[in-house]
């Protein structure tokens, strides 16, 4: 009898350990985060979609001066920790594939220091060679929550605008909404 209990306990323990062992996830399978935040995959897919739309927009309506964009820091107005840098990096890569150049204006101070050092030491760098963007990309991620038929939903809204620096007009705009149902009777993660 004791022998059967020991074997049963060992089998139960083995089963419990096998359930707790991490299993590899398929990176191509869409996931929904338990916290109801945008997943890495959703951010990457949104950046690729929007980047391709911007490329198509400028292929249809070319700018005679060329196109160079400065991607401003994405504003995360949600209560979640969203890796906005992943969105920005994927957007840059997509724009570059479409031959739209991005300029990191937040690095300008570092560039000017290097140019100044070059001038002092007889180098060939010049501030005249600095590239300037003609468009800003502004992205905001916001969220709302609402209830419908007794079920709570959370929406995270990704708004992006491509604004001409010189004229101020909006050359492109995109709004993507990600709606997720929360578990009934449970509160949101925040």
Foldseek 3Di string as FASTA:
>chain_A
DVVVVVVVVVVVVVVVVVVPDDDDDDPVDDDQDLLRDDDLVNLLVVLLVVLVVVLVLCVVPPDPVAAEEEEDDEAEAEPDDDPVVSSVVSNQVNNVVSVHHYDHVVCVVVVVVVQVVCVVVVHDDDPVPDDDGQKYKYWYWHKDWDDDPQWIKMKIKIKIFIAGPPPRDTSDIDIDIDMDTHPGPDDRPD
